[in-house]
Amino acid sequence: MRKTCLDAVYELAKKDNRIFFIGSDLGVGTLEQFKTEMPERYLMEGVSEANIIGVAAGLALEGKIVYANTIATFITRRCFEQVVLDLCLHNVKVRLIGNGGGLVYAPLGPTHLAIEDIAIFRAVPRMTILAPADATEMSRMMPLTVDYPGPIYIRLAKGGDPIVTSQQMEFEIGKAYVMREGRDALLISTGVVLKRNLDAAELLRGKGLDVAVLHVPTVKPLDTEAILEYASRVPVIVTAEEHTIIGGLGSAVAEALAEANFSSCKSFKRIGIPDVFPDQYGSQDSLMAHYDITPQIICETVEQLYRKQCTNHSRNKS
């Protein structure tokens, strides 16, 4: 996914001389072709990430479109004030590419785990947040970021993630997409957790439950209309995300559901990282399993909520 994203920046820059790339302490050879062919629009900074936000903002205020890339925790935690004041306050076209959103950097521990990046940027006015599910979706998304108004945060996975979307699918910033129809429950996710939700839906099908899957590649602005439309059809809604349950996609969905005032009762559950600093090292998959972000747990959660709804419905009828 990261390679697809950066390759897209290079291809877009060849066609549009407004596009600049700024990297912060990236690996040797990153976007070497860009550097060789368009050196005046390629900048590589050392380890002062807040500085690149200021540089990016200055370029954007002069009409440039800047793609700035470094580790997600550094973009969100370390540069927060600069992002708020330099980018969002001025509503400039800077695209922040965050490597390793979620639990990708599991071998490096909590200092590098971007488990609250979505929550941080959801709170900032004018920030758009994108979390594609795979490299295919990334390739369809990137051209749309060029002229989209205001700053954008692009959350990258580790790369090599399973392809679960197709080139034939449409993509529009701000839209959610139904990957599977169903009447018994609704699973909602963003980013690479889509694969886990699709797998969970298959498990539930084997248990006789018909489950819809909604993919939300744009966390902000949230496609509240689509979420509420599908939530209104089912008794059970479960969100799953590679992020803390506080302030992320699950919180955004909970806010929408709370204000919807449905006439029928809904059961709702957020699956994600609890309010803790991850204290284990390992792989992305091992930490996802540690925090129950797995198809099996998603399946069990839906089953439990659905049985409870059925029981309550039977009692109300009697």
Protein backbone atom coordinates (compact mmCIF):
# COMPACT_ATOMS: atom_id res chain seq x y z
CA MET A 1 0.00 0.00 0.00
CA ARG A 2 2.78 2.45 0.85
CA LYS A 3 4.56 1.79 -2.44
CA THR A 4 1.33 2.29 -4.35
CA CYS A 5 0.74 5.58 -2.54
CA LEU A 6 4.23 6.98 -3.15
CA ASP A 7 4.34 5.73 -6.73
CA ALA A 8 1.09 7.59 -7.29
CA VAL A 9 2.62 10.80 -5.91
CA TYR A 10 5.45 10.43 -8.45
CA GLU A 11 3.06 9.78 -11.36
CA LEU A 12 0.82 12.67 -10.36
CA ALA A 13 3.82 15.00 -10.01
CA LYS A 14 4.96 14.19 -13.55
CA LYS A 15 1.65 15.56 -14.82
CA ASP A 16 1.24 18.47 -12.40
CA ASN A 17 4.09 20.81 -11.54
CA ARG A 18 2.22 22.09 -8.48
CA ILE A 19 2.98 18.83 -6.67
CA PHE A 20 5.87 18.69 -4.19
CA PHE A 21 7.06 15.78 -2.05
CA ILE A 22 8.60 16.16 1.41
CA GLY A 23 9.93 13.17 3.32
CA SER A 24 11.22 13.04 6.87
CA ASP A 25 14.06 10.63 7.56
CA LEU A 26 12.79 8.06 5.07
CA GLY A 27 14.77 5.09 3.81
CA VAL A 28 17.50 5.51 1.23
CA GLY A 29 16.09 5.30 -2.28
CA THR A 30 12.54 6.38 -1.41
CA LEU A 31 11.06 7.93 -4.56
CA GLU A 32 14.51 8.00 -6.19
CA GLN A 33 12.97 8.61 -9.62
CA PHE A 34 11.12 11.63 -8.28
CA LYS A 35 14.34 12.97 -6.79
CA THR A 36 16.28 12.41 -10.03
CA GLU A 37 13.71 13.77 -12.46
CA MET A 38 12.17 16.57 -10.38
CA PRO A 39 14.79 17.51 -7.78
CA GLU A 40 13.42 21.01 -7.32
CA ARG A 41 10.14 19.49 -6.04
CA TYR A 42 11.66 16.76 -3.86
CA LEU A 43 12.76 17.55 -0.31
CA MET A 44 14.12 15.14 2.31
CA GLU A 45 14.33 16.46 5.86
CA GLY A 46 16.15 14.88 8.79
CA VAL A 47 14.29 14.39 12.06
CA SER A 48 12.44 17.63 12.69
CA GLU A 49 8.95 16.71 11.61
CA ALA A 50 7.32 19.88 12.93
CA ASN A 51 9.57 21.81 10.59
CA ILE A 52 8.34 20.00 7.48
CA ILE A 53 4.77 20.95 8.35
CA GLY A 54 5.80 24.61 8.31
CA VAL A 55 7.66 24.15 5.03
CA ALA A 56 4.69 22.32 3.52
CA ALA A 57 2.30 25.04 4.67
CA GLY A 58 4.51 27.75 3.15
CA LEU A 59 4.60 25.97 -0.19
CA ALA A 60 0.85 25.37 -0.11
CA LEU A 61 0.16 29.02 0.62
CA GLU A 62 2.05 29.75 -2.62
CA GLY A 63 -0.30 27.50 -4.57
CA LYS A 64 1.62 24.22 -4.36
CA ILE A 65 0.13 20.83 -3.45
CA VAL A 66 2.38 19.09 -0.96
CA TYR A 67 2.58 15.39 -0.04
CA ALA A 68 4.49 14.97 3.23
CA ASN A 69 5.43 11.47 4.37
CA THR A 70 6.76 10.04 7.61
CA ILE A 71 5.74 7.68 10.43
CA ALA A 72 2.12 8.18 11.52
CA THR A 73 2.90 8.78 15.20
CA PHE A 74 5.31 11.58 14.32
CA ILE A 75 2.79 13.29 12.02
CA THR A 76 -0.03 13.14 14.54
CA ARG A 77 1.54 13.42 17.99
CA ARG A 78 4.74 15.35 17.40
CA CYS A 79 3.36 17.88 14.91
CA PHE A 80 -0.10 18.45 16.32
CA GLU A 81 0.17 22.20 16.93
CA GLN A 82 1.79 22.83 13.56
CA VAL A 83 -0.86 20.76 11.78
CA VAL A 84 -3.66 22.67 13.53
CA LEU A 85 -2.26 26.18 13.08
CA ASP A 86 -0.25 25.94 9.85
CA LEU A 87 -2.42 23.54 7.85
CA CYS A 88 -5.98 23.38 9.15
CA LEU A 89 -6.41 26.98 10.25
CA HIS A 90 -5.29 28.13 6.79
CA ASN A 91 -7.07 25.25 5.01
CA VAL A 92 -4.10 24.51 2.75
CA LYS A 93 -3.62 21.61 0.35
CA VAL A 94 -1.10 19.48 2.25
CA ARG A 95 -1.52 15.70 2.20
CA LEU A 96 -0.03 14.01 5.26
CA ILE A 97 0.95 10.41 4.49
CA GLY A 98 1.27 8.49 7.75
CA ASN A 99 3.30 5.27 7.59
CA GLY A 100 2.12 2.49 9.86
CA GLY A 101 -1.29 3.54 11.09
CA GLY A 102 -2.54 1.30 13.88
CA LEU A 103 -0.40 -1.62 15.05
CA VAL A 104 1.94 -1.90 12.05
CA TYR A 105 5.09 -1.07 14.00
CA ALA A 106 4.37 -3.73 16.62
CA PRO A 107 8.07 -4.72 16.93
CA LEU A 108 8.92 -1.15 18.07
CA GLY A 109 6.44 -0.81 20.92
CA PRO A 110 4.04 1.93 22.05
CA THR A 111 6.20 4.87 20.92
CA HIS A 112 5.57 3.90 17.29
CA LEU A 113 2.01 2.54 17.47
CA ALA A 114 -0.41 5.04 15.94
CA ILE A 115 -3.48 3.85 17.81
CA GLU A 116 -5.03 7.29 18.36
CA ASP A 117 -4.13 9.06 15.11
CA ILE A 118 -7.69 9.10 13.79
CA ALA A 119 -9.03 10.45 17.09
CA ILE A 120 -6.42 13.21 17.10
CA PHE A 121 -7.25 14.43 13.61
CA ARG A 122 -11.01 13.87 13.88
CA ALA A 123 -11.02 16.66 16.46
CA VAL A 124 -9.42 19.21 14.13
CA PRO A 125 -11.67 21.31 11.87
CA ARG A 126 -11.09 21.05 8.09
CA MET A 127 -9.02 17.85 8.30
CA THR A 128 -10.02 15.00 5.97
CA ILE A 129 -9.07 11.45 7.06
CA LEU A 130 -8.63 8.61 4.55
CA ALA A 131 -7.89 4.97 5.39
CA PRO A 132 -8.06 2.73 2.28
CA ALA A 133 -8.41 -1.02 2.64
CA ASP A 134 -5.76 -2.11 0.17
CA ALA A 135 -3.38 -1.04 -2.59
CA THR A 136 -6.09 -1.24 -5.25
CA GLU A 137 -8.28 1.22 -3.39
CA MET A 138 -5.24 3.41 -2.78
CA SER A 139 -4.60 3.64 -6.52
CA ARG A 140 -8.19 4.79 -7.11
CA MET A 141 -8.07 7.24 -4.22
CA MET A 142 -4.81 9.08 -4.83
CA PRO A 143 -5.77 11.06 -7.98
CA LEU A 144 -8.75 12.47 -6.07
CA THR A 145 -6.48 13.95 -3.39
CA VAL A 146 -4.79 16.41 -5.76
CA ASP A 147 -7.51 19.05 -5.99
CA TYR A 148 -9.56 18.12 -2.94
CA PRO A 149 -9.87 21.20 -0.69
CA GLY A 150 -7.93 21.53 2.55
CA PRO A 151 -5.51 19.22 4.39
CA ILE A 152 -5.77 15.42 4.20
CA TYR A 153 -4.41 12.66 6.41
CA ILE A 154 -3.77 9.39 4.54
CA ARG A 155 -3.38 6.42 6.90
CA LEU A 156 -1.07 3.76 5.46
CA ALA A 157 -0.99 0.08 6.37
CA LYS A 158 2.19 -1.97 6.22
CA GLY A 159 1.96 -3.08 2.58
CA GLY A 160 1.25 -6.48 1.14
CA ASP A 161 -2.23 -6.41 2.63
CA PRO A 162 -4.86 -8.70 1.03
CA ILE A 163 -6.72 -7.12 -1.88
CA VAL A 164 -10.42 -6.99 -1.01
CA THR A 165 -11.61 -4.21 -3.32
CA SER A 166 -11.60 -4.09 -7.11
CA GLN A 167 -10.62 -1.54 -9.74
CA GLN A 168 -14.23 -1.59 -10.93
CA MET A 169 -15.46 -0.14 -7.63
CA GLU A 170 -16.15 3.57 -7.55
CA PHE A 171 -14.34 5.81 -5.09
CA GLU A 172 -15.38 9.21 -3.83
CA ILE A 173 -13.88 11.01 -0.86
CA GLY A 174 -16.57 11.20 1.82
CA LYS A 175 -18.46 8.08 0.76
CA ALA A 176 -18.90 4.70 2.47
CA TYR A 177 -19.37 1.52 0.44
CA VAL A 178 -21.50 -1.55 0.96
CA MET A 179 -19.34 -4.62 0.43
CA ARG A 180 -22.06 -7.08 1.37
CA GLU A 181 -25.81 -6.85 1.94
CA GLY A 182 -27.51 -8.36 4.99
CA ARG A 183 -30.57 -8.04 7.23
CA ASP A 184 -29.50 -9.46 10.61
CA ALA A 185 -26.53 -7.25 11.51
CA LEU A 186 -24.21 -4.55 10.16
CA LEU A 187 -20.41 -4.66 10.39
CA ILE A 188 -18.60 -1.34 9.89
CA SER A 189 -14.85 -0.83 9.51
CA THR A 190 -12.17 1.32 7.94
CA GLY A 191 -8.78 0.48 6.47
CA VAL A 192 -7.42 -3.05 6.50
CA VAL A 193 -9.97 -4.27 9.06
CA LEU A 194 -12.40 -4.60 6.15
CA LYS A 195 -10.83 -8.01 5.42
CA ARG A 196 -11.56 -9.15 8.98
CA ASN A 197 -15.16 -7.99 8.74
CA LEU A 198 -15.66 -9.80 5.43
CA ASP A 199 -14.21 -12.97 6.95
CA ALA A 200 -16.46 -12.57 10.00
CA ALA A 201 -19.50 -12.18 7.73
CA GLU A 202 -18.60 -15.50 6.09
CA LEU A 203 -18.35 -17.18 9.48
CA LEU A 204 -21.74 -15.77 10.44
CA ARG A 205 -23.27 -16.94 7.18
CA GLY A 206 -22.28 -20.46 8.20
CA LYS A 207 -24.20 -19.90 11.42
CA GLY A 208 -27.33 -18.78 9.62
CA LEU A 209 -26.92 -15.02 10.06
CA ASP A 210 -27.16 -12.65 7.10
CA VAL A 211 -24.73 -9.80 7.80
CA ALA A 212 -24.09 -6.57 5.87
CA VAL A 213 -20.56 -5.12 5.64
CA LEU A 214 -20.00 -1.38 5.24
CA HIS A 215 -16.53 -0.07 4.38
CA VAL A 216 -15.70 3.50 5.46
CA PRO A 217 -12.47 4.60 3.71
CA THR A 218 -13.22 8.23 4.60
CA VAL A 219 -13.50 8.55 8.36
CA LYS A 220 -13.88 12.32 8.12
CA PRO A 221 -16.11 13.66 6.64
CA LEU A 222 -18.17 10.66 7.71
CA ASP A 223 -20.85 9.30 5.39
CA THR A 224 -23.49 9.47 8.12
CA GLU A 225 -26.31 9.06 5.62
CA ALA A 226 -25.08 5.65 4.43
CA ILE A 227 -24.32 4.46 7.96
CA LEU A 228 -27.77 5.38 9.27
CA GLU A 229 -29.52 4.01 6.19
CA TYR A 230 -28.03 0.55 6.69
CA ALA A 231 -28.17 0.71 10.50
CA SER A 232 -31.90 1.38 10.30
CA ARG A 233 -32.43 -2.01 8.60
CA VAL A 234 -30.76 -4.22 11.21
CA PRO A 235 -31.04 -4.89 14.96
CA VAL A 236 -27.26 -5.23 15.56
CA ILE A 237 -24.38 -2.92 14.62
CA VAL A 238 -20.71 -3.67 15.34
CA THR A 239 -17.71 -1.52 14.46
CA ALA A 240 -14.19 -2.94 14.26
CA GLU A 241 -11.04 -0.87 13.91
CA GLU A 242 -7.27 -0.97 14.33
CA HIS A 243 -7.42 2.01 16.67
CA THR A 244 -8.39 2.87 20.21
CA ILE A 245 -12.14 2.64 20.75
CA ILE A 246 -12.00 6.22 22.06
CA GLY A 247 -12.46 8.83 19.36
CA GLY A 248 -12.07 6.65 16.28
CA LEU A 249 -14.51 5.20 13.77
CA GLY A 250 -16.52 3.43 16.47
CA SER A 251 -16.99 6.67 18.38
CA ALA A 252 -18.01 8.48 15.20
CA VAL A 253 -20.60 5.81 14.44
CA ALA A 254 -21.84 5.82 18.05
CA GLU A 255 -22.36 9.57 17.86
CA ALA A 256 -24.37 9.20 14.66
CA LEU A 257 -26.48 6.37 16.10
CA ALA A 258 -27.14 8.25 19.34
CA GLU A 259 -28.51 11.24 17.44
CA ALA A 260 -30.54 9.17 14.96
CA ASN A 261 -33.36 8.45 17.45
CA PHE A 262 -34.35 5.18 15.81
CA SER A 263 -37.84 4.02 16.67
CA SER A 264 -36.59 0.45 17.16
CA CYS A 265 -33.97 -0.64 19.68
CA LYS A 266 -30.45 -1.31 18.35
CA SER A 267 -27.61 -3.29 19.92
CA PHE A 268 -24.22 -1.69 19.34
CA LYS A 269 -20.63 -2.65 20.15
CA ARG A 270 -17.20 -1.20 19.37
CA ILE A 271 -14.29 -3.58 18.80
CA GLY A 272 -10.82 -2.07 18.91
CA ILE A 273 -7.94 -1.29 21.23
CA PRO A 274 -9.07 -0.46 24.80
CA ASP A 275 -7.93 2.63 26.69
CA VAL A 276 -4.38 1.35 27.26
CA PHE A 277 -0.86 1.76 25.95
CA PRO A 278 -0.09 -1.50 24.14
CA ASP A 279 2.46 -3.27 26.32
CA GLN A 280 3.29 -6.20 24.05
CA TYR A 281 5.74 -6.57 21.19
CA GLY A 282 5.21 -8.87 18.26
CA SER A 283 3.58 -8.58 14.86
CA GLN A 284 0.63 -6.56 13.66
CA ASP A 285 -1.46 -9.74 13.52
CA SER A 286 -0.42 -10.90 16.99
CA LEU A 287 -1.38 -7.55 18.54
CA MET A 288 -4.65 -7.50 16.61
CA ALA A 289 -5.41 -10.92 18.06
CA HIS A 290 -4.35 -9.76 21.54
CA TYR A 291 -6.95 -6.99 21.37
CA ASP A 292 -9.65 -9.24 19.88
CA ILE A 293 -9.68 -7.58 16.46
CA THR A 294 -10.23 -10.88 14.69
CA PRO A 295 -12.96 -12.42 12.52
CA GLN A 296 -13.72 -14.96 15.27
CA ILE A 297 -14.29 -12.33 17.97
CA ILE A 298 -16.30 -10.13 15.60
CA CYS A 299 -18.42 -13.20 14.80
CA GLU A 300 -18.93 -14.07 18.47
CA THR A 301 -19.84 -10.47 19.29
CA VAL A 302 -22.52 -10.33 16.61
CA GLU A 303 -23.92 -13.69 17.71
CA GLN A 304 -24.19 -12.58 21.34
CA LEU A 305 -25.86 -9.28 20.49
CA TYR A 306 -28.24 -10.91 18.04
CA ARG A 307 -29.32 -13.58 20.54
CA LYS A 308 -29.88 -10.88 23.16
CA GLN A 309 -32.00 -8.88 20.72
CA CYS A 310 -34.07 -11.95 19.87
CA THR A 311 -34.60 -12.72 23.55
CA ASN A 312 -35.67 -9.14 24.32
CA HIS A 313 -37.99 -9.12 21.31
CA SER A 314 -39.66 -12.35 22.48
CA ARG A 315 -40.14 -10.96 25.99
CA ASN A 316 -41.66 -7.73 24.66
CA LYS A 317 -44.12 -9.67 22.51
CA SER A 318 -45.24 -11.77 25.47
